[in-house]
Amino acid sequence: MNLSLRDQLKEWEKKNSFQRPKKKPSEKKTAVKKTDKLSKSDLIYLMGMNRPRYSRGKGGAFRQK
């Protein structure tokens, strides 16, 4: 007899009256909402909109735009 391992385990379970433990239903994890609200000025600061911008001018020198 050429049985697979799964079939052999099923036969063994029947012969030995083995019962598998029942799986408990898993609880779904609820996502934690962030309560931190940023103001418009905070967002502008974080994005760096009010920072000076520099570019290379003639001769390779940095100049403020």
N, C-alpha and C. Protein backbone atom coordinates (compact mmCIF):
# COMPACT_ATOMS: atom_id res chain seq x y z
N MET A 1 0.84 -1.19 0.00
CA MET A 1 0.00 0.00 0.00
C MET A 1 0.87 1.24 0.00
N ASN A 2 0.60 2.10 -0.93
CA ASN A 2 1.37 3.32 -1.03
C ASN A 2 0.47 4.50 -0.66
N LEU A 3 0.44 4.82 0.63
CA LEU A 3 -0.41 5.91 1.11
C LEU A 3 0.44 7.13 1.40
N SER A 4 -0.19 8.26 1.22
CA SER A 4 0.53 9.49 1.56
C SER A 4 0.54 9.66 3.07
N LEU A 5 1.35 10.56 3.51
CA LEU A 5 1.48 10.80 4.94
C LEU A 5 0.15 11.27 5.54
N ARG A 6 -0.58 12.08 4.79
CA ARG A 6 -1.86 12.59 5.28
C ARG A 6 -2.86 11.44 5.49
N ASP A 7 -2.90 10.52 4.52
CA ASP A 7 -3.79 9.37 4.64
C ASP A 7 -3.39 8.49 5.83
N GLN A 8 -2.11 8.30 6.01
CA GLN A 8 -1.64 7.50 7.14
C GLN A 8 -2.03 8.13 8.47
N LEU A 9 -1.93 9.46 8.55
CA LEU A 9 -2.32 10.15 9.78
C LEU A 9 -3.81 10.01 10.04
N LYS A 10 -4.63 10.08 9.01
CA LYS A 10 -6.08 9.93 9.18
C LYS A 10 -6.41 8.53 9.71
N GLU A 11 -5.75 7.52 9.15
CA GLU A 11 -5.98 6.16 9.63
C GLU A 11 -5.54 6.01 11.08
N TRP A 12 -4.41 6.56 11.42
CA TRP A 12 -3.92 6.48 12.80
C TRP A 12 -4.89 7.15 13.77
N GLU A 13 -5.44 8.32 13.35
CA GLU A 13 -6.41 9.03 14.19
C GLU A 13 -7.65 8.19 14.42
N LYS A 14 -8.11 7.49 13.37
CA LYS A 14 -9.30 6.64 13.53
C LYS A 14 -9.03 5.48 14.48
N LYS A 15 -7.87 4.85 14.33
CA LYS A 15 -7.55 3.70 15.15
C LYS A 15 -7.37 4.07 16.61
N ASN A 16 -6.77 5.22 16.87
CA ASN A 16 -6.46 5.62 18.24
C ASN A 16 -7.49 6.58 18.84
N SER A 17 -8.58 6.79 18.13
CA SER A 17 -9.65 7.71 18.55
C SER A 17 -9.08 9.05 19.03
N PHE A 18 -8.25 9.60 18.19
CA PHE A 18 -7.60 10.88 18.49
C PHE A 18 -8.47 12.01 17.97
N GLN A 19 -8.68 13.02 18.79
CA GLN A 19 -9.45 14.18 18.35
C GLN A 19 -8.55 15.41 18.38
N ARG A 20 -8.58 16.12 17.28
CA ARG A 20 -7.77 17.35 17.19
C ARG A 20 -8.44 18.45 18.00
N PRO A 21 -7.63 19.31 18.60
CA PRO A 21 -8.24 20.44 19.33
C PRO A 21 -8.90 21.40 18.34
N LYS A 22 -10.05 21.92 18.76
CA LYS A 22 -10.77 22.84 17.89
C LYS A 22 -10.09 24.20 17.88
N LYS A 23 -10.10 24.81 16.71
CA LYS A 23 -9.50 26.14 16.58
C LYS A 23 -10.45 27.19 17.11
N LYS A 24 -9.89 28.11 17.87
CA LYS A 24 -10.68 29.21 18.39
C LYS A 24 -10.76 30.30 17.32
N PRO A 25 -11.89 30.95 17.19
CA PRO A 25 -11.98 32.03 16.20
C PRO A 25 -11.06 33.18 16.62
N SER A 26 -10.29 33.63 15.67
CA SER A 26 -9.33 34.70 15.99
C SER A 26 -10.06 36.03 16.08
N GLU A 27 -9.61 36.84 17.02
CA GLU A 27 -10.20 38.16 17.19
C GLU A 27 -9.53 39.13 16.24
N LYS A 28 -10.33 39.97 15.61
CA LYS A 28 -9.78 40.96 14.70
C LYS A 28 -9.23 42.12 15.52
N LYS A 29 -8.03 42.56 15.13
CA LYS A 29 -7.43 43.70 15.82
C LYS A 29 -7.97 44.98 15.20
N THR A 30 -8.41 45.88 16.06
CA THR A 30 -8.92 47.15 15.57
C THR A 30 -7.77 48.12 15.41
N ALA A 31 -7.82 48.87 14.35
CA ALA A 31 -6.77 49.84 14.07
C ALA A 31 -6.87 50.99 15.07
N VAL A 32 -5.73 51.42 15.58
CA VAL A 32 -5.69 52.53 16.52
C VAL A 32 -5.64 53.82 15.72
N LYS A 33 -6.60 54.68 15.96
CA LYS A 33 -6.65 55.95 15.24
C LYS A 33 -5.73 56.95 15.91
N LYS A 34 -5.02 57.70 15.08
CA LYS A 34 -4.15 58.73 15.62
C LYS A 34 -4.98 59.96 15.96
N THR A 35 -4.75 60.48 17.14
CA THR A 35 -5.52 61.64 17.57
C THR A 35 -4.74 62.93 17.39
N ASP A 36 -3.51 62.84 16.88
CA ASP A 36 -2.66 64.01 16.72
C ASP A 36 -3.10 64.79 15.49
N LYS A 37 -3.61 66.00 15.69
CA LYS A 37 -4.04 66.85 14.59
C LYS A 37 -3.01 67.96 14.41
N LEU A 38 -2.52 68.10 13.18
CA LEU A 38 -1.54 69.14 12.90
C LEU A 38 -2.25 70.35 12.29
N SER A 39 -1.81 71.53 12.71
CA SER A 39 -2.40 72.75 12.16
C SER A 39 -1.81 73.01 10.78
N LYS A 40 -2.40 73.94 10.07
CA LYS A 40 -1.93 74.27 8.72
C LYS A 40 -0.52 74.82 8.77
N SER A 41 -0.22 75.63 9.78
CA SER A 41 1.12 76.20 9.89
C SER A 41 2.16 75.12 10.18
N ASP A 42 1.78 74.10 10.98
CA ASP A 42 2.69 72.99 11.25
C ASP A 42 3.00 72.21 9.98
N LEU A 43 1.97 71.98 9.16
CA LEU A 43 2.18 71.24 7.92
C LEU A 43 3.08 72.01 6.96
N ILE A 44 2.87 73.33 6.87
CA ILE A 44 3.70 74.16 5.99
C ILE A 44 5.15 74.13 6.46
N TYR A 45 5.36 74.16 7.77
CA TYR A 45 6.72 74.11 8.31
C TYR A 45 7.38 72.76 8.00
N LEU A 46 6.63 71.68 8.19
CA LEU A 46 7.19 70.35 7.95
C LEU A 46 7.53 70.13 6.48
N MET A 47 6.73 70.71 5.59
CA MET A 47 7.01 70.56 4.16
C MET A 47 8.12 71.48 3.69
N GLY A 48 8.47 72.45 4.52
CA GLY A 48 9.57 73.35 4.18
C GLY A 48 9.22 74.38 3.13
N MET A 49 8.00 74.85 3.14
CA MET A 49 7.58 75.80 2.10
C MET A 49 8.14 77.20 2.34
N ASN A 50 8.42 77.56 3.58
CA ASN A 50 8.90 78.91 3.86
C ASN A 50 10.42 79.00 3.95
N ARG A 51 11.11 77.93 3.65
CA ARG A 51 12.56 77.95 3.72
C ARG A 51 13.15 78.63 2.48
N PRO A 52 14.30 79.24 2.62
CA PRO A 52 14.93 79.84 1.44
C PRO A 52 15.39 78.75 0.48
N ARG A 53 15.30 79.04 -0.83
CA ARG A 53 15.74 78.09 -1.85
C ARG A 53 17.01 78.63 -2.47
N TYR A 54 17.95 77.76 -2.67
CA TYR A 54 19.23 78.15 -3.24
C TYR A 54 19.44 77.42 -4.56
N SER A 55 20.08 78.11 -5.50
CA SER A 55 20.44 77.48 -6.76
C SER A 55 21.81 78.00 -7.17
N ARG A 56 22.42 77.30 -8.08
CA ARG A 56 23.74 77.74 -8.55
C ARG A 56 23.58 78.81 -9.62
N GLY A 57 24.31 79.89 -9.43
CA GLY A 57 24.29 80.97 -10.41
C GLY A 57 25.52 80.90 -11.30
N LYS A 58 25.82 82.01 -11.92
CA LYS A 58 27.00 82.06 -12.79
C LYS A 58 28.25 81.85 -11.96
N GLY A 59 29.18 81.11 -12.47
CA GLY A 59 30.41 80.86 -11.76
C GLY A 59 30.31 79.79 -10.70
N GLY A 60 29.14 79.13 -10.58
CA GLY A 60 28.98 78.04 -9.63
C GLY A 60 28.65 78.48 -8.22
N ALA A 61 28.39 79.79 -8.02
CA ALA A 61 28.09 80.27 -6.65
C ALA A 61 26.63 80.00 -6.33
N PHE A 62 26.34 79.72 -5.05
CA PHE A 62 24.96 79.52 -4.61
C PHE A 62 24.30 80.88 -4.44
N ARG A 63 23.09 81.00 -4.97
CA ARG A 63 22.34 82.24 -4.82
C ARG A 63 20.93 81.90 -4.36
N GLN A 64 20.38 82.80 -3.55
CA GLN A 64 19.04 82.58 -3.03
C GLN A 64 18.01 83.03 -4.05
N LYS A 65 16.99 82.23 -4.24
CA LYS A 65 15.92 82.59 -5.17
C LYS A 65 14.85 83.35 -4.46
